[in-house]
N, C-alpha and C. Protein backbone atom coordinates (compact mmCIF):
# COMPACT_ATOMS: atom_id res chain seq x y z
N MET A 1 111.04 62.10 108.51
CA MET A 1 111.18 62.96 109.66
C MET A 1 109.99 62.73 110.57
N SER A 2 110.22 62.50 111.86
CA SER A 2 109.13 62.25 112.79
C SER A 2 108.53 63.58 113.24
N ASP A 3 107.35 63.49 113.85
CA ASP A 3 106.69 64.69 114.36
C ASP A 3 107.49 65.33 115.49
N ALA A 4 108.32 64.57 116.19
CA ALA A 4 109.11 65.09 117.30
C ALA A 4 110.30 65.91 116.82
N THR A 5 110.69 65.77 115.58
CA THR A 5 111.85 66.49 115.06
C THR A 5 111.37 67.66 114.20
N PRO A 6 111.61 68.91 114.69
CA PRO A 6 111.16 70.05 113.89
C PRO A 6 112.01 70.20 112.64
N PRO A 7 111.43 70.73 111.55
CA PRO A 7 112.21 70.93 110.34
C PRO A 7 113.26 72.02 110.55
N SER A 8 114.34 71.93 109.83
CA SER A 8 115.39 72.94 109.90
C SER A 8 114.86 74.25 109.35
N ARG A 9 115.08 75.34 110.08
CA ARG A 9 114.62 76.65 109.62
C ARG A 9 115.64 77.28 108.67
N LEU A 10 116.90 76.94 108.80
CA LEU A 10 117.92 77.55 107.96
C LEU A 10 118.74 76.48 107.24
N PRO A 11 118.95 76.62 105.97
CA PRO A 11 119.78 75.67 105.22
C PRO A 11 121.26 76.03 105.39
N LEU A 12 121.78 75.85 106.60
CA LEU A 12 123.14 76.31 106.90
C LEU A 12 124.19 75.71 105.97
N ASP A 13 124.03 74.45 105.58
CA ASP A 13 125.01 73.85 104.68
C ASP A 13 124.97 74.50 103.30
N TRP A 14 123.76 74.85 102.82
CA TRP A 14 123.64 75.54 101.51
C TRP A 14 124.26 76.93 101.59
N ILE A 15 123.95 77.63 102.70
CA ILE A 15 124.49 78.98 102.88
C ILE A 15 126.01 78.94 102.91
N ALA A 16 126.57 78.00 103.68
CA ALA A 16 128.02 77.88 103.80
C ALA A 16 128.67 77.63 102.44
N ALA A 17 128.15 76.67 101.70
CA ALA A 17 128.72 76.35 100.39
C ALA A 17 128.58 77.52 99.43
N SER A 18 127.43 78.19 99.45
CA SER A 18 127.21 79.33 98.56
C SER A 18 128.13 80.49 98.90
N LEU A 19 128.30 80.77 100.19
CA LEU A 19 129.20 81.86 100.59
C LEU A 19 130.63 81.59 100.15
N ARG A 20 131.09 80.37 100.38
CA ARG A 20 132.47 80.02 99.97
C ARG A 20 132.62 80.14 98.46
N ARG A 21 131.63 79.60 97.73
CA ARG A 21 131.67 79.65 96.27
C ARG A 21 131.69 81.09 95.76
N GLU A 22 130.79 81.92 96.25
CA GLU A 22 130.68 83.30 95.76
C GLU A 22 131.86 84.16 96.21
N ARG A 23 132.36 83.93 97.42
CA ARG A 23 133.53 84.68 97.89
C ARG A 23 134.75 84.33 97.05
N THR A 24 134.91 83.05 96.75
CA THR A 24 136.03 82.60 95.90
C THR A 24 135.88 83.17 94.50
N ARG A 25 134.66 83.11 93.94
CA ARG A 25 134.41 83.65 92.61
C ARG A 25 134.78 85.14 92.55
N ALA A 26 134.47 85.87 93.63
CA ALA A 26 134.74 87.30 93.68
C ALA A 26 136.21 87.60 94.02
N GLY A 27 136.96 86.56 94.41
CA GLY A 27 138.37 86.75 94.75
C GLY A 27 138.58 87.54 96.03
N LEU A 28 137.68 87.37 96.99
CA LEU A 28 137.76 88.11 98.25
C LEU A 28 138.21 87.23 99.40
N SER A 29 138.98 87.79 100.29
CA SER A 29 139.34 87.09 101.53
C SER A 29 138.17 87.19 102.50
N LEU A 30 138.20 86.37 103.55
CA LEU A 30 137.19 86.47 104.60
C LEU A 30 137.16 87.89 105.16
N SER A 31 138.33 88.44 105.44
CA SER A 31 138.41 89.79 106.02
C SER A 31 137.81 90.83 105.11
N GLU A 32 138.12 90.77 103.82
CA GLU A 32 137.62 91.78 102.88
C GLU A 32 136.11 91.69 102.71
N LEU A 33 135.58 90.47 102.58
CA LEU A 33 134.13 90.34 102.44
C LEU A 33 133.42 90.81 103.71
N ALA A 34 133.93 90.44 104.86
CA ALA A 34 133.33 90.87 106.12
C ALA A 34 133.32 92.39 106.21
N LYS A 35 134.41 93.02 105.84
CA LYS A 35 134.52 94.48 105.86
C LYS A 35 133.49 95.10 104.92
N ARG A 36 133.40 94.60 103.69
CA ARG A 36 132.45 95.15 102.70
C ARG A 36 131.01 94.98 103.15
N ALA A 37 130.72 93.88 103.84
CA ALA A 37 129.36 93.61 104.29
C ALA A 37 129.04 94.27 105.63
N GLY A 38 130.07 94.78 106.31
CA GLY A 38 129.85 95.41 107.60
C GLY A 38 129.52 94.43 108.71
N ILE A 39 130.11 93.22 108.61
CA ILE A 39 129.89 92.22 109.65
C ILE A 39 131.25 91.78 110.20
N ALA A 40 131.24 91.12 111.32
CA ALA A 40 132.48 90.63 111.92
C ALA A 40 133.04 89.47 111.10
N LYS A 41 134.36 89.42 111.00
CA LYS A 41 135.02 88.32 110.29
C LYS A 41 134.66 86.99 110.94
N SER A 42 134.56 86.97 112.26
CA SER A 42 134.21 85.73 112.97
C SER A 42 132.81 85.26 112.58
N THR A 43 131.88 86.20 112.36
CA THR A 43 130.52 85.83 111.93
C THR A 43 130.57 85.17 110.56
N LEU A 44 131.32 85.77 109.64
CA LEU A 44 131.45 85.20 108.30
C LEU A 44 132.11 83.83 108.36
N SER A 45 133.14 83.70 109.17
CA SER A 45 133.83 82.42 109.31
C SER A 45 132.87 81.35 109.83
N GLN A 46 132.03 81.71 110.80
CA GLN A 46 131.06 80.76 111.33
C GLN A 46 130.05 80.35 110.25
N LEU A 47 129.60 81.33 109.46
CA LEU A 47 128.63 81.02 108.41
C LEU A 47 129.23 80.09 107.37
N GLU A 48 130.50 80.32 107.00
CA GLU A 48 131.14 79.44 106.03
C GLU A 48 131.42 78.06 106.60
N ALA A 49 131.38 77.94 107.92
CA ALA A 49 131.56 76.64 108.58
C ALA A 49 130.20 75.99 108.89
N ALA A 50 129.12 76.58 108.36
CA ALA A 50 127.75 76.07 108.54
C ALA A 50 127.32 76.08 110.00
N SER A 51 127.77 77.09 110.74
CA SER A 51 127.30 77.27 112.11
C SER A 51 126.81 78.70 112.26
N GLY A 52 126.25 79.02 113.39
CA GLY A 52 125.71 80.35 113.59
C GLY A 52 124.24 80.39 113.20
N ASN A 53 123.67 81.58 113.25
CA ASN A 53 122.25 81.76 112.97
C ASN A 53 122.09 83.06 112.19
N PRO A 54 122.34 83.04 110.89
CA PRO A 54 122.32 84.29 110.12
C PRO A 54 120.93 84.91 110.04
N SER A 55 120.88 86.22 110.14
CA SER A 55 119.62 86.94 109.99
C SER A 55 119.44 87.36 108.54
N VAL A 56 118.24 87.81 108.23
CA VAL A 56 117.95 88.35 106.90
C VAL A 56 118.93 89.47 106.59
N GLU A 57 119.15 90.36 107.58
CA GLU A 57 120.02 91.51 107.37
C GLU A 57 121.45 91.09 107.03
N THR A 58 121.98 90.10 107.74
CA THR A 58 123.34 89.63 107.48
C THR A 58 123.46 89.04 106.08
N LEU A 59 122.50 88.20 105.71
CA LEU A 59 122.56 87.58 104.39
C LEU A 59 122.38 88.60 103.27
N TRP A 60 121.49 89.59 103.46
CA TRP A 60 121.33 90.65 102.45
C TRP A 60 122.63 91.43 102.30
N ALA A 61 123.26 91.78 103.44
CA ALA A 61 124.51 92.54 103.39
C ALA A 61 125.59 91.76 102.65
N LEU A 62 125.66 90.46 102.89
CA LEU A 62 126.64 89.63 102.19
C LEU A 62 126.33 89.55 100.70
N GLY A 63 125.05 89.40 100.35
CA GLY A 63 124.67 89.37 98.94
C GLY A 63 125.04 90.66 98.23
N VAL A 64 124.76 91.79 98.86
CA VAL A 64 125.10 93.09 98.26
C VAL A 64 126.61 93.20 98.11
N ALA A 65 127.36 92.83 99.15
CA ALA A 65 128.83 92.91 99.10
C ALA A 65 129.40 92.01 98.00
N LEU A 66 128.74 90.88 97.75
CA LEU A 66 129.20 89.95 96.71
C LEU A 66 128.62 90.28 95.33
N GLY A 67 127.61 91.17 95.30
CA GLY A 67 126.97 91.52 94.04
C GLY A 67 126.07 90.42 93.51
N VAL A 68 125.47 89.65 94.43
CA VAL A 68 124.58 88.56 94.03
C VAL A 68 123.25 88.69 94.76
N PRO A 69 122.16 88.16 94.19
CA PRO A 69 120.87 88.17 94.88
C PRO A 69 120.92 87.32 96.14
N PHE A 70 120.09 87.67 97.11
CA PHE A 70 119.93 86.91 98.35
C PHE A 70 119.75 85.42 98.07
N SER A 71 118.95 85.12 97.05
CA SER A 71 118.63 83.72 96.74
C SER A 71 119.86 82.91 96.40
N THR A 72 120.88 83.52 95.84
CA THR A 72 122.11 82.81 95.50
C THR A 72 122.72 82.19 96.75
N LEU A 73 122.51 82.83 97.90
CA LEU A 73 123.11 82.35 99.14
C LEU A 73 122.29 81.29 99.86
N VAL A 74 120.99 81.18 99.58
CA VAL A 74 120.16 80.26 100.36
C VAL A 74 119.42 79.21 99.56
N GLU A 75 119.44 79.29 98.25
CA GLU A 75 118.65 78.37 97.42
C GLU A 75 119.40 77.07 97.14
N PRO A 76 118.79 75.92 97.45
CA PRO A 76 119.40 74.63 97.11
C PRO A 76 119.17 74.33 95.63
N PRO A 77 119.84 73.31 95.09
CA PRO A 77 119.54 72.90 93.72
C PRO A 77 118.05 72.56 93.60
N VAL A 78 117.42 72.95 92.50
CA VAL A 78 115.98 72.78 92.33
C VAL A 78 115.69 71.55 91.46
N PRO A 79 114.87 70.62 91.96
CA PRO A 79 114.47 69.47 91.15
C PRO A 79 113.47 69.91 90.07
N VAL A 80 113.15 69.03 89.15
CA VAL A 80 112.22 69.35 88.06
C VAL A 80 110.84 69.73 88.58
N LEU A 81 110.29 68.97 89.52
CA LEU A 81 109.01 69.27 90.14
C LEU A 81 109.28 69.57 91.60
N ARG A 82 108.81 70.72 92.04
CA ARG A 82 109.08 71.12 93.42
C ARG A 82 107.80 71.65 94.04
N VAL A 83 107.42 71.10 95.18
CA VAL A 83 106.25 71.56 95.92
C VAL A 83 106.73 71.96 97.30
N ILE A 84 106.34 73.14 97.73
CA ILE A 84 106.62 73.59 99.10
C ILE A 84 105.27 73.74 99.78
N ARG A 85 104.99 72.86 100.70
CA ARG A 85 103.72 72.89 101.42
C ARG A 85 103.76 73.99 102.49
N ALA A 86 102.59 74.49 102.84
CA ALA A 86 102.50 75.46 103.92
C ALA A 86 103.15 74.88 105.16
N GLY A 87 104.00 75.65 105.81
CA GLY A 87 104.69 75.19 107.01
C GLY A 87 106.00 74.49 106.71
N GLU A 88 106.34 74.27 105.44
CA GLU A 88 107.60 73.63 105.07
C GLU A 88 108.53 74.65 104.43
N GLY A 89 109.77 74.28 104.29
CA GLY A 89 110.75 75.13 103.62
C GLY A 89 111.60 75.90 104.61
N ALA A 90 112.76 76.31 104.13
CA ALA A 90 113.71 77.04 104.97
C ALA A 90 113.26 78.48 105.15
N GLU A 91 113.29 78.95 106.39
CA GLU A 91 112.89 80.30 106.71
C GLU A 91 114.05 81.04 107.35
N VAL A 92 114.11 82.35 107.12
CA VAL A 92 115.13 83.20 107.72
C VAL A 92 114.39 84.31 108.45
N VAL A 93 114.75 84.55 109.70
CA VAL A 93 114.07 85.56 110.51
C VAL A 93 114.86 86.86 110.54
N SER A 94 114.16 87.95 110.81
CA SER A 94 114.75 89.28 110.91
C SER A 94 115.19 89.54 112.34
N GLU A 95 116.22 90.35 112.49
CA GLU A 95 116.63 90.81 113.82
C GLU A 95 115.83 92.05 114.22
N GLN A 96 115.23 92.75 113.25
CA GLN A 96 114.59 94.04 113.50
C GLN A 96 113.12 93.94 113.86
N ALA A 97 112.41 92.97 113.32
CA ALA A 97 110.96 92.91 113.47
C ALA A 97 110.50 91.47 113.43
N ASN A 98 109.23 91.24 113.77
CA ASN A 98 108.64 89.90 113.70
C ASN A 98 108.33 89.66 112.22
N PHE A 99 109.35 89.21 111.49
CA PHE A 99 109.34 89.15 110.03
C PHE A 99 110.09 87.90 109.62
N VAL A 100 109.45 87.02 108.86
CA VAL A 100 110.05 85.76 108.44
C VAL A 100 109.98 85.66 106.92
N ALA A 101 111.12 85.38 106.28
CA ALA A 101 111.19 85.26 104.83
C ALA A 101 111.44 83.81 104.44
N LYS A 102 110.69 83.34 103.46
CA LYS A 102 110.87 82.00 102.93
C LYS A 102 111.04 82.13 101.42
N LEU A 103 112.21 81.75 100.91
CA LEU A 103 112.44 81.78 99.47
C LEU A 103 111.65 80.63 98.85
N LEU A 104 110.73 80.96 97.95
CA LEU A 104 109.95 79.95 97.26
C LEU A 104 110.62 79.51 95.97
N SER A 105 111.23 80.47 95.24
CA SER A 105 111.86 80.14 93.97
C SER A 105 112.89 81.19 93.61
N ALA A 106 114.09 80.72 93.33
CA ALA A 106 115.13 81.62 92.84
C ALA A 106 115.01 81.69 91.32
N GLY A 107 115.46 82.80 90.76
CA GLY A 107 115.46 82.92 89.32
C GLY A 107 116.31 81.82 88.71
N PRO A 108 115.91 81.30 87.56
CA PRO A 108 116.68 80.25 86.91
C PRO A 108 118.04 80.78 86.45
N SER A 109 118.94 79.88 86.15
CA SER A 109 120.26 80.28 85.67
C SER A 109 120.08 81.24 84.51
N GLY A 110 120.70 82.39 84.63
CA GLY A 110 120.56 83.43 83.62
C GLY A 110 119.34 84.30 83.87
N GLY A 111 118.40 83.83 84.69
CA GLY A 111 117.22 84.61 85.05
C GLY A 111 117.55 85.50 86.24
N ARG A 112 116.77 86.49 86.43
CA ARG A 112 117.08 87.44 87.48
C ARG A 112 115.85 87.80 88.30
N ARG A 113 115.17 86.80 88.88
CA ARG A 113 114.04 87.06 89.76
C ARG A 113 113.96 85.98 90.82
N ASP A 114 113.51 86.39 92.00
CA ASP A 114 113.33 85.48 93.12
C ASP A 114 111.94 85.72 93.67
N ILE A 115 111.29 84.67 94.21
CA ILE A 115 109.96 84.79 94.77
C ILE A 115 110.01 84.36 96.24
N TYR A 116 109.46 85.22 97.12
CA TYR A 116 109.47 84.97 98.55
C TYR A 116 108.05 85.00 99.10
N LEU A 117 107.79 84.21 100.12
CA LEU A 117 106.58 84.28 100.92
C LEU A 117 107.00 84.87 102.25
N LEU A 118 106.37 85.96 102.65
CA LEU A 118 106.77 86.66 103.87
C LEU A 118 105.62 86.71 104.86
N ARG A 119 105.96 86.46 106.12
CA ARG A 119 104.99 86.57 107.20
C ARG A 119 105.49 87.65 108.15
N ALA A 120 104.60 88.52 108.59
CA ALA A 120 105.01 89.60 109.48
C ALA A 120 103.91 89.87 110.49
N GLU A 121 104.32 90.34 111.65
CA GLU A 121 103.39 90.71 112.72
C GLU A 121 103.62 92.16 113.09
N PRO A 122 102.58 92.84 113.59
CA PRO A 122 102.73 94.24 113.98
C PRO A 122 103.80 94.40 115.06
N GLY A 123 104.35 95.58 115.12
CA GLY A 123 105.39 95.88 116.10
C GLY A 123 106.45 96.72 115.42
N ALA A 124 107.63 96.19 115.32
CA ALA A 124 108.75 96.92 114.72
C ALA A 124 108.66 96.90 113.19
N VAL A 125 109.22 97.94 112.60
CA VAL A 125 109.31 98.04 111.14
C VAL A 125 110.53 97.26 110.68
N ARG A 126 110.41 96.51 109.60
CA ARG A 126 111.55 95.80 108.99
C ARG A 126 112.14 96.74 107.96
N GLU A 127 113.28 97.37 108.30
CA GLU A 127 113.95 98.29 107.40
C GLU A 127 114.95 97.52 106.56
N SER A 128 114.97 97.78 105.26
CA SER A 128 115.84 97.06 104.35
C SER A 128 116.82 98.03 103.70
N GLU A 129 118.07 97.66 103.74
CA GLU A 129 119.10 98.42 103.04
C GLU A 129 118.93 98.20 101.54
N PRO A 130 119.49 99.07 100.71
CA PRO A 130 119.39 98.87 99.26
C PRO A 130 119.98 97.53 98.84
N HIS A 131 119.31 96.88 97.88
CA HIS A 131 119.81 95.63 97.30
C HIS A 131 120.74 95.97 96.15
N ILE A 132 121.16 94.97 95.40
CA ILE A 132 122.10 95.23 94.30
C ILE A 132 121.49 96.21 93.31
N PRO A 133 122.33 97.04 92.65
CA PRO A 133 121.82 98.04 91.71
C PRO A 133 120.89 97.44 90.66
N GLY A 134 119.80 98.17 90.39
CA GLY A 134 118.83 97.73 89.39
C GLY A 134 117.73 96.84 89.94
N SER A 135 117.77 96.52 91.23
CA SER A 135 116.74 95.66 91.83
C SER A 135 115.39 96.38 91.86
N VAL A 136 114.33 95.62 91.57
CA VAL A 136 112.96 96.13 91.64
C VAL A 136 112.16 95.11 92.46
N GLU A 137 111.32 95.59 93.36
CA GLU A 137 110.48 94.71 94.15
C GLU A 137 109.03 94.81 93.69
N HIS A 138 108.35 93.65 93.67
CA HIS A 138 106.92 93.56 93.35
C HIS A 138 106.29 92.86 94.55
N LEU A 139 105.28 93.47 95.16
CA LEU A 139 104.70 92.93 96.37
C LEU A 139 103.19 92.80 96.20
N VAL A 140 102.64 91.62 96.57
CA VAL A 140 101.21 91.38 96.55
C VAL A 140 100.81 90.87 97.94
N VAL A 141 99.82 91.52 98.55
CA VAL A 141 99.35 91.13 99.88
C VAL A 141 98.33 90.02 99.75
N SER A 142 98.52 88.94 100.52
CA SER A 142 97.55 87.85 100.48
C SER A 142 96.68 87.82 101.73
N ALA A 143 97.18 88.32 102.87
CA ALA A 143 96.39 88.38 104.10
C ALA A 143 96.90 89.51 104.97
N GLY A 144 95.99 90.14 105.71
CA GLY A 144 96.37 91.21 106.61
C GLY A 144 96.52 92.54 105.90
N ARG A 145 97.34 93.41 106.47
CA ARG A 145 97.62 94.72 105.89
C ARG A 145 99.10 94.99 106.09
N VAL A 146 99.72 95.61 105.10
CA VAL A 146 101.14 95.92 105.18
C VAL A 146 101.37 97.34 104.68
N LYS A 147 102.35 97.99 105.27
CA LYS A 147 102.81 99.30 104.82
C LYS A 147 104.22 99.05 104.28
N ALA A 148 104.43 99.36 102.99
CA ALA A 148 105.72 99.02 102.37
C ALA A 148 106.09 100.05 101.32
N GLY A 149 107.38 100.05 100.98
CA GLY A 149 107.88 100.89 99.91
C GLY A 149 109.14 101.61 100.30
N PRO A 150 109.64 102.46 99.40
CA PRO A 150 110.85 103.22 99.69
C PRO A 150 110.64 104.15 100.88
N VAL A 151 111.68 104.41 101.63
CA VAL A 151 111.61 105.30 102.78
C VAL A 151 111.05 106.65 102.32
N GLY A 152 110.03 107.13 103.01
CA GLY A 152 109.39 108.38 102.67
C GLY A 152 108.28 108.26 101.64
N GLU A 153 108.11 107.07 101.05
CA GLU A 153 107.08 106.85 100.03
C GLU A 153 106.28 105.58 100.29
N THR A 154 106.23 105.11 101.54
CA THR A 154 105.52 103.87 101.82
C THR A 154 104.01 104.04 101.59
N VAL A 155 103.37 102.94 101.24
CA VAL A 155 101.93 102.92 101.02
C VAL A 155 101.32 101.78 101.82
N GLU A 156 100.05 101.94 102.22
CA GLU A 156 99.33 100.90 102.94
C GLU A 156 98.60 100.03 101.93
N LEU A 157 98.70 98.72 102.12
CA LEU A 157 98.13 97.75 101.18
C LEU A 157 97.24 96.76 101.90
N ASP A 158 96.13 96.39 101.24
CA ASP A 158 95.18 95.40 101.73
C ASP A 158 95.32 94.12 100.91
N PRO A 159 94.66 93.02 101.32
CA PRO A 159 94.71 91.78 100.54
C PRO A 159 94.34 92.02 99.08
N GLY A 160 95.14 91.48 98.18
CA GLY A 160 94.94 91.62 96.75
C GLY A 160 95.64 92.84 96.15
N ASP A 161 96.09 93.78 96.98
CA ASP A 161 96.78 94.97 96.47
C ASP A 161 98.19 94.62 96.02
N TYR A 162 98.67 95.35 95.03
CA TYR A 162 100.01 95.16 94.44
C TYR A 162 100.73 96.49 94.44
N VAL A 163 102.03 96.45 94.70
CA VAL A 163 102.88 97.64 94.58
C VAL A 163 104.23 97.21 94.01
N THR A 164 104.86 98.09 93.27
CA THR A 164 106.22 97.84 92.79
C THR A 164 107.04 99.09 93.05
N TYR A 165 108.32 98.91 93.33
CA TYR A 165 109.20 100.03 93.63
C TYR A 165 110.65 99.58 93.50
N ARG A 166 111.54 100.56 93.45
CA ARG A 166 112.97 100.25 93.37
C ARG A 166 113.42 99.57 94.66
N GLY A 167 114.19 98.50 94.51
CA GLY A 167 114.72 97.79 95.67
C GLY A 167 116.16 98.19 95.95
N ASP A 168 116.72 99.06 95.10
CA ASP A 168 118.12 99.47 95.30
C ASP A 168 118.22 100.81 96.04
N VAL A 169 117.13 101.14 96.77
CA VAL A 169 117.10 102.30 97.66
C VAL A 169 116.61 101.79 99.02
N PRO A 170 116.87 102.52 100.12
CA PRO A 170 116.34 102.07 101.41
C PRO A 170 114.82 101.95 101.35
N HIS A 171 114.28 100.87 101.90
CA HIS A 171 112.85 100.63 101.89
C HIS A 171 112.46 99.85 103.15
N SER A 172 111.16 99.71 103.37
CA SER A 172 110.72 99.04 104.60
C SER A 172 109.41 98.29 104.38
N TYR A 173 109.12 97.42 105.35
CA TYR A 173 107.88 96.65 105.40
C TYR A 173 107.39 96.73 106.84
N GLU A 174 106.09 96.92 107.01
CA GLU A 174 105.52 96.96 108.35
C GLU A 174 104.14 96.30 108.33
N ALA A 175 103.98 95.24 109.13
CA ALA A 175 102.67 94.62 109.28
C ALA A 175 101.79 95.55 110.09
N LEU A 176 100.57 95.77 109.62
CA LEU A 176 99.65 96.65 110.33
C LEU A 176 98.63 95.89 111.14
N VAL A 177 98.44 94.59 110.82
CA VAL A 177 97.52 93.75 111.58
C VAL A 177 98.17 92.37 111.77
N PRO A 178 97.75 91.63 112.81
CA PRO A 178 98.29 90.29 113.00
C PRO A 178 98.01 89.38 111.80
N GLY A 179 98.91 88.45 111.56
CA GLY A 179 98.72 87.46 110.50
C GLY A 179 98.95 88.00 109.10
N THR A 180 99.75 89.02 108.96
CA THR A 180 100.01 89.59 107.63
C THR A 180 100.92 88.66 106.83
N VAL A 181 100.51 88.39 105.59
CA VAL A 181 101.26 87.52 104.69
C VAL A 181 101.29 88.19 103.32
N PHE A 182 102.47 88.20 102.70
CA PHE A 182 102.56 88.76 101.35
C PHE A 182 103.61 88.04 100.54
N VAL A 183 103.47 88.13 99.23
CA VAL A 183 104.42 87.54 98.29
C VAL A 183 105.27 88.68 97.75
N LEU A 184 106.57 88.47 97.72
CA LEU A 184 107.51 89.47 97.22
C LEU A 184 108.31 88.86 96.09
N VAL A 185 108.28 89.51 94.94
CA VAL A 185 109.09 89.09 93.80
C VAL A 185 110.22 90.10 93.66
N MET A 186 111.46 89.63 93.78
CA MET A 186 112.64 90.48 93.61
C MET A 186 113.11 90.29 92.17
N GLN A 187 113.17 91.39 91.45
CA GLN A 187 113.64 91.38 90.06
C GLN A 187 115.00 92.05 90.05
N HIS A 188 115.99 91.35 89.55
CA HIS A 188 117.36 91.87 89.49
C HIS A 188 117.71 92.09 88.03
N VAL A 189 117.97 93.34 87.67
CA VAL A 189 118.30 93.65 86.26
C VAL A 189 119.77 93.92 86.11
């Protein structure tokens, strides 16, 4: 890849294949999955055709409607040795806030955890709908300050701070200073 060609931010072909696979596995029509996820059927059709620009919110809603972790929809097959350099890897942006999620590692087959690197800037709060039942989030701040946790129970965190909370209830993330970076481990039980 030359310096003139920017890396792809979204693995649209992986998302399309994963959506088709999981929708078929669940025995759902395009219309039924779109209805359950609260998105337009045309949006889902575009995503399954590897076009469009899905947001974090759309992919989370589809994962919840399908009963699968977010990572199932965006993670490519993993080689034996995998290195993701800073500035590389597929990123998904939020529609609500200056918030970018990069899946670093999906739980292995039979495993139920995903690891994300998140970058956020002050401004709008990134509100998250409940994930699949039994989800637990573990968050460690590496730079900046973040306010995170279940709605009504958020806490402010500094670099090195750790918090864990239920991910199957409404929760939020808010960068309090520029350049906020944190690692989020999603545990699905």
